[in-house]
Amino acid sequence: MKVAITGATGFVGNLLVQRLHAKGHKIVVLTRNTAFAQKVFPSEAFPNIEIVAYTPNASGSWQSVISSCDGVVNLAGEPIGEGRWTPERKQEILNSRKLGTQKIVEAIANANPQPNVLINASAIGYYGTSETATFDETSLSGNDFLAQVCQAWEAEATKVKDSGVRLVILRLGIVLGNGGALGKMIPPFKLFAGGPIGSGRQWFSWIHVDDLVNLIVQALSKSEIEGIYNATAPNPVRMADLSQTLGQVMNRPSWLPVPAFAIEALLGDGAIVVLEGQQVIPKRTVETGFEYKYPNLQSALTQILN
């Protein structure tokens, strides 16, 4: 199998490339920074990888490489939890997903032969935030900024079905692994200054990075997997429970809460990512028979930290 991947040098994409390469598949890495990608995936260690320069929000010669691929995995998008959400930043967050996906779908439509499947990332921000509601793949969307971004993102991906290509949209929860969100939470705990962020009552819907990569690999290979799936573990927790479990695994106290105003001062509107949340259940994902290696938080954090 030959797979084109955007966001391949990122936290999730890097592991996905390694997993597919280890299985003997060929990978086309679509990247804005070829020099960096070549350092991440040196040819002597990754002989089955082709690195192609691309501009996410513009048509170009890069689109022709899609013709030789069996599948496309679109993970690219500006980080949402870093820096204040200025009007310019919000536009970058939206465009990187909406326009980037638009150009991928355009490339697939013009490919000959066409790939069999597009796996497109989305996010559980689609559902909006709530301390009381429970969301699954059939739930309606929210109306805040992140929900609007996800709606636009998914709408562009859905157009690939006009080409008769199988579409899988994965609404990602908070991905836990060596890096990402967890990497930012660990340092205070190491300094005996860890604790819940904000009220501690907000929901934290998460997935271990290994499970996410396995889910993507399964979606690439199984033709019966189609449509929208929540890429979250089946056991979401509240922020207070996350902090307590993290403290237990690290053998550190978890009594010092981070006040909401401190996060808001740092991130502005972007504080919604950590101060508010949603309880998301992967109903359709479980129904596919997908087997989680890390279905509960204790096992996930123990594997990552120990």
C-alpha atoms as a PDB file:
ATOM      1  CA  MET A   1       0.000   0.000   0.000  1.00  0.00           C
ATOM      2  CA  LYS A   2       1.173   3.527  -0.774  1.00  0.00           C
ATOM      3  CA  VAL A   3      -0.116   6.327   1.447  1.00  0.00           C
ATOM      4  CA  ALA A   4       0.250  10.120   1.199  1.00  0.00           C
ATOM      5  CA  ILE A   5       0.307  11.872   4.580  1.00  0.00           C
ATOM      6  CA  THR A   6       0.068  15.537   5.513  1.00  0.00           C
ATOM      7  CA  GLY A   7       1.180  16.553   9.002  1.00  0.00           C
ATOM      8  CA  ALA A   8       3.629  13.637   8.853  1.00  0.00           C
ATOM      9  CA  THR A   9       6.323  15.321  10.960  1.00  0.00           C
ATOM     10  CA  GLY A  10       3.894  16.157  13.762  1.00  0.00           C
ATOM     11  CA  PHE A  11       3.197  14.343  17.003  1.00  0.00           C
ATOM     12  CA  VAL A  12       0.717  11.840  15.529  1.00  0.00           C
ATOM     13  CA  GLY A  13       1.944  11.818  11.941  1.00  0.00           C
ATOM     14  CA  ASN A  14       5.501  10.904  12.898  1.00  0.00           C
ATOM     15  CA  LEU A  15       4.380   7.766  14.702  1.00  0.00           C
ATOM     16  CA  LEU A  16       1.973   6.884  11.886  1.00  0.00           C
ATOM     17  CA  VAL A  17       4.772   7.074   9.308  1.00  0.00           C
ATOM     18  CA  GLN A  18       6.993   4.866  11.458  1.00  0.00           C
ATOM     19  CA  ARG A  19       4.216   2.310  11.941  1.00  0.00           C
ATOM     20  CA  LEU A  20       3.355   2.121   8.241  1.00  0.00           C
ATOM     21  CA  HIS A  21       7.003   1.987   7.212  1.00  0.00           C
ATOM     22  CA  ALA A  22       7.659  -0.864   9.634  1.00  0.00           C
ATOM     23  CA  LYS A  23       4.827  -2.778   7.964  1.00  0.00           C
ATOM     24  CA  GLY A  24       6.498  -2.398   4.569  1.00  0.00           C
ATOM     25  CA  HIS A  25       4.185   0.253   3.118  1.00  0.00           C
ATOM     26  CA  LYS A  26       5.368   3.134   0.943  1.00  0.00           C
ATOM     27  CA  ILE A  27       4.738   6.652   2.196  1.00  0.00           C
ATOM     28  CA  VAL A  28       4.615  10.043   0.494  1.00  0.00           C
ATOM     29  CA  VAL A  29       5.312  12.760   3.052  1.00  0.00           C
ATOM     30  CA  LEU A  30       3.683  16.032   1.991  1.00  0.00           C
ATOM     31  CA  THR A  31       5.493  18.762   3.877  1.00  0.00           C
ATOM     32  CA  ARG A  32       6.074  22.506   3.870  1.00  0.00           C
ATOM     33  CA  ASN A  33       9.626  21.985   5.160  1.00  0.00           C
ATOM     34  CA  THR A  34      11.469  19.296   3.215  1.00  0.00           C
ATOM     35  CA  ALA A  35      14.771  19.881   5.033  1.00  0.00           C
ATOM     36  CA  PHE A  36      13.145  19.212   8.396  1.00  0.00           C
ATOM     37  CA  ALA A  37      11.291  16.176   7.054  1.00  0.00           C
ATOM     38  CA  GLN A  38      14.555  14.735   5.742  1.00  0.00           C
ATOM     39  CA  LYS A  39      16.049  15.050   9.233  1.00  0.00           C
ATOM     40  CA  VAL A  40      13.019  13.373  10.792  1.00  0.00           C
ATOM     41  CA  PHE A  41      12.926  10.606   8.181  1.00  0.00           C
ATOM     42  CA  PRO A  42      16.519  10.099   6.897  1.00  0.00           C
ATOM     43  CA  SER A  43      16.588   8.018   3.716  1.00  0.00           C
ATOM     44  CA  GLU A  44      18.985   5.438   5.127  1.00  0.00           C
ATOM     45  CA  ALA A  45      16.507   4.591   7.886  1.00  0.00           C
ATOM     46  CA  PHE A  46      13.337   5.152   5.839  1.00  0.00           C
ATOM     47  CA  PRO A  47      14.028   3.941   2.281  1.00  0.00           C
ATOM     48  CA  ASN A  48      10.321   3.612   1.434  1.00  0.00           C
ATOM     49  CA  ILE A  49       9.558   7.296   2.030  1.00  0.00           C
ATOM     50  CA  GLU A  50       9.246   9.966  -0.644  1.00  0.00           C
ATOM     51  CA  ILE A  51       9.358  13.548   0.633  1.00  0.00           C
ATOM     52  CA  VAL A  52       7.416  16.059  -1.457  1.00  0.00           C
ATOM     53  CA  ALA A  53       7.209  19.815  -0.889  1.00  0.00           C
ATOM     54  CA  TYR A  54       3.681  21.184  -0.844  1.00  0.00           C
ATOM     55  CA  THR A  55       1.788  24.340  -0.062  1.00  0.00           C
ATOM     56  CA  PRO A  56      -1.329  23.342   1.914  1.00  0.00           C
ATOM     57  CA  ASN A  57      -3.585  26.146   0.728  1.00  0.00           C
ATOM     58  CA  ALA A  58      -2.514  26.275  -2.906  1.00  0.00           C
ATOM     59  CA  SER A  59      -2.727  24.071  -5.973  1.00  0.00           C
ATOM     60  CA  GLY A  60       0.553  22.877  -7.425  1.00  0.00           C
ATOM     61  CA  SER A  61       2.624  20.107  -8.935  1.00  0.00           C
ATOM     62  CA  TRP A  62       2.596  18.328  -5.587  1.00  0.00           C
ATOM     63  CA  GLN A  63      -0.978  17.278  -6.250  1.00  0.00           C
ATOM     64  CA  SER A  64       0.138  14.879  -8.982  1.00  0.00           C
ATOM     65  CA  VAL A  65       1.733  12.499  -6.458  1.00  0.00           C
ATOM     66  CA  ILE A  66      -1.742  11.597  -5.187  1.00  0.00           C
ATOM     67  CA  SER A  67      -2.330   9.624  -8.410  1.00  0.00           C
ATOM     68  CA  SER A  68       0.065   6.886  -7.351  1.00  0.00           C
ATOM     69  CA  CYS A  69      -1.379   6.459  -3.848  1.00  0.00           C
ATOM     70  CA  ASP A  70      -3.854   3.953  -2.459  1.00  0.00           C
ATOM     71  CA  GLY A  71      -4.837   6.202   0.443  1.00  0.00           C
ATOM     72  CA  VAL A  72      -4.444   9.729   1.796  1.00  0.00           C
ATOM     73  CA  VAL A  73      -4.248  10.728   5.468  1.00  0.00           C
ATOM     74  CA  ASN A  74      -4.795  14.446   6.078  1.00  0.00           C
ATOM     75  CA  LEU A  75      -3.585  15.478   9.539  1.00  0.00           C
ATOM     76  CA  ALA A  76      -2.348  19.000   8.808  1.00  0.00           C
ATOM     77  CA  GLY A  77      -3.564  22.061  10.691  1.00  0.00           C
ATOM     78  CA  GLU A  78      -2.215  24.939  12.758  1.00  0.00           C
ATOM     79  CA  PRO A  79      -2.042  24.100  16.503  1.00  0.00           C
ATOM     80  CA  ILE A  80      -5.074  25.421  18.353  1.00  0.00           C
ATOM     81  CA  GLY A  81      -3.694  25.402  21.896  1.00  0.00           C
ATOM     82  CA  GLU A  82      -0.621  27.556  21.407  1.00  0.00           C
ATOM     83  CA  GLY A  83      -0.741  31.317  21.744  1.00  0.00           C
ATOM     84  CA  ARG A  84      -3.578  33.810  21.978  1.00  0.00           C
ATOM     85  CA  TRP A  85      -6.444  33.655  19.515  1.00  0.00           C
ATOM     86  CA  THR A  86      -6.051  36.986  17.792  1.00  0.00           C
ATOM     87  CA  PRO A  87      -8.307  37.532  14.777  1.00  0.00           C
ATOM     88  CA  GLU A  88      -5.330  36.737  12.553  1.00  0.00           C
ATOM     89  CA  ARG A  89      -4.550  33.567  14.488  1.00  0.00           C
ATOM     90  CA  LYS A  90      -8.139  32.376  14.294  1.00  0.00           C
ATOM     91  CA  GLN A  91      -8.093  32.873  10.541  1.00  0.00           C
ATOM     92  CA  GLU A  92      -4.886  30.817  10.304  1.00  0.00           C
ATOM     93  CA  ILE A  93      -6.463  28.020  12.349  1.00  0.00           C
ATOM     94  CA  LEU A  94      -9.502  27.958  10.066  1.00  0.00           C
ATOM     95  CA  ASN A  95      -7.673  28.319   6.743  1.00  0.00           C
ATOM     96  CA  SER A  96      -5.057  25.681   7.521  1.00  0.00           C
ATOM     97  CA  ARG A  97      -7.864  23.140   7.863  1.00  0.00           C
ATOM     98  CA  LYS A  98     -10.493  24.346   5.422  1.00  0.00           C
ATOM     99  CA  LEU A  99      -8.224  25.356   2.531  1.00  0.00           C
ATOM    100  CA  GLY A 100      -5.718  22.590   3.181  1.00  0.00           C
ATOM    101  CA  THR A 101      -8.423  19.936   2.977  1.00  0.00           C
ATOM    102  CA  GLN A 102      -9.925  21.648  -0.072  1.00  0.00           C
ATOM    103  CA  LYS A 103      -6.634  21.251  -1.970  1.00  0.00           C
ATOM    104  CA  ILE A 104      -6.250  17.619  -0.925  1.00  0.00           C
ATOM    105  CA  VAL A 105      -9.760  16.853  -2.163  1.00  0.00           C
ATOM    106  CA  GLU A 106      -9.003  18.719  -5.378  1.00  0.00           C
ATOM    107  CA  ALA A 107      -5.889  16.587  -5.884  1.00  0.00           C
ATOM    108  CA  ILE A 108      -7.877  13.397  -5.320  1.00  0.00           C
ATOM    109  CA  ALA A 109     -10.562  14.482  -7.794  1.00  0.00           C
ATOM    110  CA  ASN A 110      -7.916  15.044 -10.478  1.00  0.00           C
ATOM    111  CA  ALA A 111      -5.931  11.883  -9.721  1.00  0.00           C
ATOM    112  CA  ASN A 112      -5.805   9.022 -12.209  1.00  0.00           C
ATOM    113  CA  PRO A 113      -6.088   6.491 -10.756  1.00  0.00           C
ATOM    114  CA  GLN A 114      -7.731   7.874  -7.645  1.00  0.00           C
ATOM    115  CA  PRO A 115      -6.899   6.745  -4.110  1.00  0.00           C
ATOM    116  CA  ASN A 116      -9.331   4.358  -2.477  1.00  0.00           C
ATOM    117  CA  VAL A 117      -9.747   6.329   0.755  1.00  0.00           C
ATOM    118  CA  LEU A 118      -9.267   9.707   2.402  1.00  0.00           C
ATOM    119  CA  ILE A 119      -8.822   9.719   6.158  1.00  0.00           C
ATOM    120  CA  ASN A 120      -9.340  13.268   7.340  1.00  0.00           C
ATOM    121  CA  ALA A 121      -8.756  14.565  10.831  1.00  0.00           C
ATOM    122  CA  SER A 122     -11.345  16.626  12.650  1.00  0.00           C
ATOM    123  CA  ALA A 123     -11.740  17.239  16.381  1.00  0.00           C
ATOM    124  CA  ILE A 124     -14.208  16.718  19.199  1.00  0.00           C
ATOM    125  CA  GLY A 125     -14.425  20.501  19.346  1.00  0.00           C
ATOM    126  CA  TYR A 126     -17.145  19.888  16.749  1.00  0.00           C
ATOM    127  CA  TYR A 127     -19.613  19.245  19.591  1.00  0.00           C
ATOM    128  CA  GLY A 128     -18.998  22.446  21.519  1.00  0.00           C
ATOM    129  CA  THR A 129     -18.424  22.306  25.287  1.00  0.00           C
ATOM    130  CA  SER A 130     -20.532  21.060  28.180  1.00  0.00           C
ATOM    131  CA  GLU A 131     -20.099  19.804  31.746  1.00  0.00           C
ATOM    132  CA  THR A 132     -23.324  17.776  31.620  1.00  0.00           C
ATOM    133  CA  ALA A 133     -23.991  16.520  28.087  1.00  0.00           C
ATOM    134  CA  THR A 134     -22.642  13.324  26.532  1.00  0.00           C
ATOM    135  CA  PHE A 135     -21.777  13.304  22.835  1.00  0.00           C
ATOM    136  CA  ASP A 136     -21.404  10.515  20.304  1.00  0.00           C
ATOM    137  CA  GLU A 137     -21.012  10.553  16.522  1.00  0.00           C
ATOM    138  CA  THR A 138     -24.718  11.292  16.016  1.00  0.00           C
ATOM    139  CA  SER A 139     -24.740  14.410  18.224  1.00  0.00           C
ATOM    140  CA  LEU A 140     -25.315  17.846  16.759  1.00  0.00           C
ATOM    141  CA  SER A 141     -22.514  20.366  16.419  1.00  0.00           C
ATOM    142  CA  GLY A 142     -21.865  23.246  18.769  1.00  0.00           C
ATOM    143  CA  ASN A 143     -21.747  26.899  17.749  1.00  0.00           C
ATOM    144  CA  ASP A 144     -18.480  28.231  19.215  1.00  0.00           C
ATOM    145  CA  PHE A 145     -15.367  28.990  17.162  1.00  0.00           C
ATOM    146  CA  LEU A 146     -13.858  25.491  17.311  1.00  0.00           C
ATOM    147  CA  ALA A 147     -17.186  23.915  16.381  1.00  0.00           C
ATOM    148  CA  GLN A 148     -17.410  26.221  13.375  1.00  0.00           C
ATOM    149  CA  VAL A 149     -13.856  25.324  12.352  1.00  0.00           C
ATOM    150  CA  CYS A 150     -14.656  21.612  12.531  1.00  0.00           C
ATOM    151  CA  GLN A 151     -17.857  22.065  10.532  1.00  0.00           C
ATOM    152  CA  ALA A 152     -15.979  23.866   7.758  1.00  0.00           C
ATOM    153  CA  TRP A 153     -13.154  21.314   7.896  1.00  0.00           C
ATOM    154  CA  GLU A 154     -15.494  18.345   7.579  1.00  0.00           C
ATOM    155  CA  ALA A 155     -17.579  20.016   4.882  1.00  0.00           C
ATOM    156  CA  GLU A 156     -14.517  20.258   2.638  1.00  0.00           C
ATOM    157  CA  ALA A 157     -13.566  16.634   3.309  1.00  0.00           C
ATOM    158  CA  THR A 158     -17.088  15.448   2.506  1.00  0.00           C
ATOM    159  CA  LYS A 159     -16.723  16.718  -1.069  1.00  0.00           C
ATOM    160  CA  VAL A 160     -14.344  13.823  -1.796  1.00  0.00           C
ATOM    161  CA  LYS A 161     -17.390  11.557  -1.921  1.00  0.00           C
ATOM    162  CA  ASP A 162     -18.349  13.258  -5.187  1.00  0.00           C
ATOM    163  CA  SER A 163     -15.359  11.398  -6.652  1.00  0.00           C
ATOM    164  CA  GLY A 164     -16.581   8.069  -5.293  1.00  0.00           C
ATOM    165  CA  VAL A 165     -13.737   7.883  -2.782  1.00  0.00           C
ATOM    166  CA  ARG A 166     -14.328   6.330   0.639  1.00  0.00           C
ATOM    167  CA  LEU A 167     -14.155   8.950   3.390  1.00  0.00           C
ATOM    168  CA  VAL A 168     -13.300   8.440   7.047  1.00  0.00           C
ATOM    169  CA  ILE A 169     -13.467  11.481   9.356  1.00  0.00           C
ATOM    170  CA  LEU A 170     -11.825  11.003  12.743  1.00  0.00           C
ATOM    171  CA  ARG A 171     -12.853  13.491  15.424  1.00  0.00           C
ATOM    172  CA  LEU A 172      -9.761  13.504  17.587  1.00  0.00           C
ATOM    173  CA  GLY A 173      -9.794  13.920  21.341  1.00  0.00           C
ATOM    174  CA  ILE A 174      -6.768  15.076  23.342  1.00  0.00           C
ATOM    175  CA  VAL A 175      -3.941  12.793  22.187  1.00  0.00           C
ATOM    176  CA  LEU A 176      -1.744  11.471  24.998  1.00  0.00           C
ATOM    177  CA  GLY A 177       1.843  10.394  24.400  1.00  0.00           C
ATOM    178  CA  ASN A 178       5.428  11.564  24.727  1.00  0.00           C
ATOM    179  CA  GLY A 179       4.753  15.135  23.710  1.00  0.00           C
ATOM    180  CA  GLY A 180       1.596  17.014  22.846  1.00  0.00           C
ATOM    181  CA  ALA A 181      -0.719  18.200  25.607  1.00  0.00           C
ATOM    182  CA  LEU A 182       0.686  15.791  28.196  1.00  0.00           C
ATOM    183  CA  GLY A 183       4.188  17.119  27.637  1.00  0.00           C
ATOM    184  CA  LYS A 184       2.985  20.518  28.859  1.00  0.00           C
ATOM    185  CA  MET A 185       1.291  19.099  31.957  1.00  0.00           C
ATOM    186  CA  ILE A 186       4.157  17.000  33.263  1.00  0.00           C
ATOM    187  CA  PRO A 187       6.739  19.697  34.241  1.00  0.00           C
ATOM    188  CA  PRO A 188       4.643  21.227  37.081  1.00  0.00           C
ATOM    189  CA  PHE A 189       4.093  17.760  38.548  1.00  0.00           C
ATOM    190  CA  LYS A 190       7.826  17.088  38.453  1.00  0.00           C
ATOM    191  CA  LEU A 191       8.264  20.257  40.507  1.00  0.00           C
ATOM    192  CA  PHE A 192       5.596  19.122  43.024  1.00  0.00           C
ATOM    193  CA  ALA A 193       3.340  21.930  41.751  1.00  0.00           C
ATOM    194  CA  GLY A 194       0.804  19.955  39.720  1.00  0.00           C
ATOM    195  CA  GLY A 195      -2.940  20.121  39.953  1.00  0.00           C
ATOM    196  CA  PRO A 196      -6.172  20.514  38.004  1.00  0.00           C
ATOM    197  CA  ILE A 197      -6.616  23.358  35.556  1.00  0.00           C
ATOM    198  CA  GLY A 198      -9.548  25.668  36.218  1.00  0.00           C
ATOM    199  CA  SER A 199     -12.552  24.208  38.036  1.00  0.00           C
ATOM    200  CA  GLY A 200     -11.436  20.593  37.541  1.00  0.00           C
ATOM    201  CA  ARG A 201     -15.007  19.688  36.561  1.00  0.00           C
ATOM    202  CA  GLN A 202     -14.509  20.047  32.827  1.00  0.00           C
ATOM    203  CA  TRP A 203     -14.460  16.828  30.831  1.00  0.00           C
ATOM    204  CA  PHE A 204     -11.253  15.530  29.314  1.00  0.00           C
ATOM    205  CA  SER A 205     -11.864  13.193  26.369  1.00  0.00           C
ATOM    206  CA  TRP A 206      -8.565  11.617  25.406  1.00  0.00           C
ATOM    207  CA  ILE A 207      -6.897   8.845  23.386  1.00  0.00           C
ATOM    208  CA  HIS A 208      -3.478   7.207  23.641  1.00  0.00           C
ATOM    209  CA  VAL A 209      -1.408   8.013  20.553  1.00  0.00           C
ATOM    210  CA  ASP A 210      -0.799   4.302  19.897  1.00  0.00           C
ATOM    211  CA  ASP A 211      -4.539   3.668  19.768  1.00  0.00           C
ATOM    212  CA  LEU A 212      -5.057   6.610  17.434  1.00  0.00           C
ATOM    213  CA  VAL A 213      -2.371   5.384  15.039  1.00  0.00           C
ATOM    214  CA  ASN A 214      -3.821   1.866  15.137  1.00  0.00           C
ATOM    215  CA  LEU A 215      -7.249   3.301  14.365  1.00  0.00           C
ATOM    216  CA  ILE A 216      -5.890   5.175  11.338  1.00  0.00           C
ATOM    217  CA  VAL A 217      -4.093   2.048  10.060  1.00  0.00           C
ATOM    218  CA  GLN A 218      -7.290   0.033  10.472  1.00  0.00           C
ATOM    219  CA  ALA A 219      -9.308   2.668   8.625  1.00  0.00           C
ATOM    220  CA  LEU A 220      -6.841   2.574   5.733  1.00  0.00           C
ATOM    221  CA  SER A 221      -7.143  -1.159   5.266  1.00  0.00           C
ATOM    222  CA  LYS A 222     -10.782  -1.960   6.071  1.00  0.00           C
ATOM    223  CA  SER A 223     -13.202  -0.887   3.352  1.00  0.00           C
ATOM    224  CA  GLU A 224     -16.225  -1.271   5.643  1.00  0.00           C
ATOM    225  CA  ILE A 225     -15.002   1.610   7.808  1.00  0.00           C
ATOM    226  CA  GLU A 226     -16.615   4.751   6.411  1.00  0.00           C
ATOM    227  CA  GLY A 227     -18.069   7.948   7.803  1.00  0.00           C
ATOM    228  CA  ILE A 228     -17.507   9.745  11.101  1.00  0.00           C
ATOM    229  CA  TYR A 229     -15.813   8.192  14.120  1.00  0.00           C
ATOM    230  CA  ASN A 230     -14.807   9.669  17.464  1.00  0.00           C
ATOM    231  CA  ALA A 231     -11.113   9.015  17.999  1.00  0.00           C
ATOM    232  CA  THR A 232     -11.328   8.970  21.786  1.00  0.00           C
ATOM    233  CA  ALA A 233     -10.905   6.339  24.477  1.00  0.00           C
ATOM    234  CA  PRO A 234     -14.155   4.836  25.793  1.00  0.00           C
ATOM    235  CA  ASN A 235     -13.565   6.265  29.287  1.00  0.00           C
ATOM    236  CA  PRO A 236     -13.370  10.082  29.378  1.00  0.00           C
ATOM    237  CA  VAL A 237     -12.539  11.677  32.733  1.00  0.00           C
ATOM    238  CA  ARG A 238     -12.932  15.029  34.408  1.00  0.00           C
ATOM    239  CA  MET A 239      -9.886  17.273  34.706  1.00  0.00           C
ATOM    240  CA  ALA A 240      -9.654  16.688  38.472  1.00  0.00           C
ATOM    241  CA  ASP A 241      -9.497  12.931  37.885  1.00  0.00           C
ATOM    242  CA  LEU A 242      -6.835  13.397  35.210  1.00  0.00           C
ATOM    243  CA  SER A 243      -4.681  15.417  37.590  1.00  0.00           C
ATOM    244  CA  GLN A 244      -5.141  12.932  40.416  1.00  0.00           C
ATOM    245  CA  THR A 245      -4.240   9.969  38.192  1.00  0.00           C
ATOM    246  CA  LEU A 246      -1.243  11.794  36.750  1.00  0.00           C
ATOM    247  CA  GLY A 247      -0.026  12.560  40.274  1.00  0.00           C
ATOM    248  CA  GLN A 248      -0.433   8.925  41.303  1.00  0.00           C
ATOM    249  CA  VAL A 249       1.471   7.582  38.299  1.00  0.00           C
ATOM    250  CA  MET A 250       4.280  10.115  38.812  1.00  0.00           C
ATOM    251  CA  ASN A 251       4.219   9.720  42.603  1.00  0.00           C
ATOM    252  CA  ARG A 252       3.677  13.452  42.977  1.00  0.00           C
ATOM    253  CA  PRO A 253       1.004  15.531  44.721  1.00  0.00           C
ATOM    254  CA  SER A 254      -1.818  16.980  42.635  1.00  0.00           C
ATOM    255  CA  TRP A 255      -3.216  19.539  45.046  1.00  0.00           C
ATOM    256  CA  LEU A 256      -2.199  22.864  43.481  1.00  0.00           C
ATOM    257  CA  PRO A 257      -4.849  23.991  40.985  1.00  0.00           C
ATOM    258  CA  VAL A 258      -3.985  26.297  38.109  1.00  0.00           C
ATOM    259  CA  PRO A 259      -6.506  29.171  38.275  1.00  0.00           C
ATOM    260  CA  ALA A 260      -8.578  29.889  35.195  1.00  0.00           C
ATOM    261  CA  PHE A 261      -7.477  33.539  35.036  1.00  0.00           C
ATOM    262  CA  ALA A 262      -3.836  32.472  34.642  1.00  0.00           C
ATOM    263  CA  ILE A 263      -4.649  30.348  31.617  1.00  0.00           C
ATOM    264  CA  GLU A 264      -6.884  33.059  30.171  1.00  0.00           C
ATOM    265  CA  ALA A 265      -4.118  35.630  30.579  1.00  0.00           C
ATOM    266  CA  LEU A 266      -1.765  33.369  28.636  1.00  0.00           C
ATOM    267  CA  LEU A 267      -4.065  32.066  25.909  1.00  0.00           C
ATOM    268  CA  GLY A 268      -6.980  34.474  25.725  1.00  0.00           C
ATOM    269  CA  ASP A 269      -9.882  32.861  23.855  1.00  0.00           C
ATOM    270  CA  GLY A 270      -7.687  29.800  23.309  1.00  0.00           C
ATOM    271  CA  ALA A 271      -8.111  28.951  26.992  1.00  0.00           C
ATOM    272  CA  ILE A 272     -11.364  27.223  26.048  1.00  0.00           C
ATOM    273  CA  VAL A 273      -9.265  24.227  24.962  1.00  0.00           C
ATOM    274  CA  VAL A 274      -8.293  23.446  28.569  1.00  0.00           C
ATOM    275  CA  LEU A 275     -10.879  25.296  30.668  1.00  0.00           C
ATOM    276  CA  GLU A 276     -13.925  23.792  28.983  1.00  0.00           C
ATOM    277  CA  GLY A 277     -14.428  20.328  27.586  1.00  0.00           C
ATOM    278  CA  GLN A 278     -16.890  17.736  26.435  1.00  0.00           C
ATOM    279  CA  GLN A 279     -17.687  14.140  27.361  1.00  0.00           C
ATOM    280  CA  VAL A 280     -17.319  12.238  24.101  1.00  0.00           C
ATOM    281  CA  ILE A 281     -18.091   8.544  23.650  1.00  0.00           C
ATOM    282  CA  PRO A 282     -16.647   6.616  20.654  1.00  0.00           C
ATOM    283  CA  LYS A 283     -19.857   4.708  19.976  1.00  0.00           C
ATOM    284  CA  ARG A 284     -19.293   3.970  16.278  1.00  0.00           C
ATOM    285  CA  THR A 285     -15.591   3.286  16.843  1.00  0.00           C
ATOM    286  CA  VAL A 286     -16.374   0.611  19.410  1.00  0.00           C
ATOM    287  CA  GLU A 287     -19.028  -0.842  17.111  1.00  0.00           C
ATOM    288  CA  THR A 288     -16.385  -1.512  14.448  1.00  0.00           C
ATOM    289  CA  GLY A 289     -14.757  -3.960  16.859  1.00  0.00           C
ATOM    290  CA  PHE A 290     -11.709  -1.753  17.344  1.00  0.00           C
ATOM    291  CA  GLU A 291      -9.693  -3.003  20.313  1.00  0.00           C
ATOM    292  CA  TYR A 292      -8.114  -0.334  22.491  1.00  0.00           C
ATOM    293  CA  LYS A 293      -4.719  -1.113  23.960  1.00  0.00           C
ATOM    294  CA  TYR A 294      -5.285   1.653  26.514  1.00  0.00           C
ATOM    295  CA  PRO A 295      -8.999   2.005  27.271  1.00  0.00           C
ATOM    296  CA  ASN A 296      -8.506   3.652  30.669  1.00  0.00           C
ATOM    297  CA  LEU A 297      -6.406   6.593  31.796  1.00  0.00           C
ATOM    298  CA  GLN A 298      -4.353   4.729  34.416  1.00  0.00           C
ATOM    299  CA  SER A 299      -2.999   2.228  31.890  1.00  0.00           C
ATOM    300  CA  ALA A 300      -2.337   4.948  29.303  1.00  0.00           C
ATOM    301  CA  LEU A 301      -0.397   7.219  31.645  1.00  0.00           C
ATOM    302  CA  THR A 302       1.519   4.310  33.154  1.00  0.00           C
ATOM    303  CA  GLN A 303       2.697   3.221  29.720  1.00  0.00           C
ATOM    304  CA  ILE A 304       3.673   6.728  28.662  1.00  0.00           C
ATOM    305  CA  LEU A 305       5.480   7.746  31.852  1.00  0.00           C
ATOM    306  CA  ASN A 306       7.038   4.448  32.908  1.00  0.00           C
END
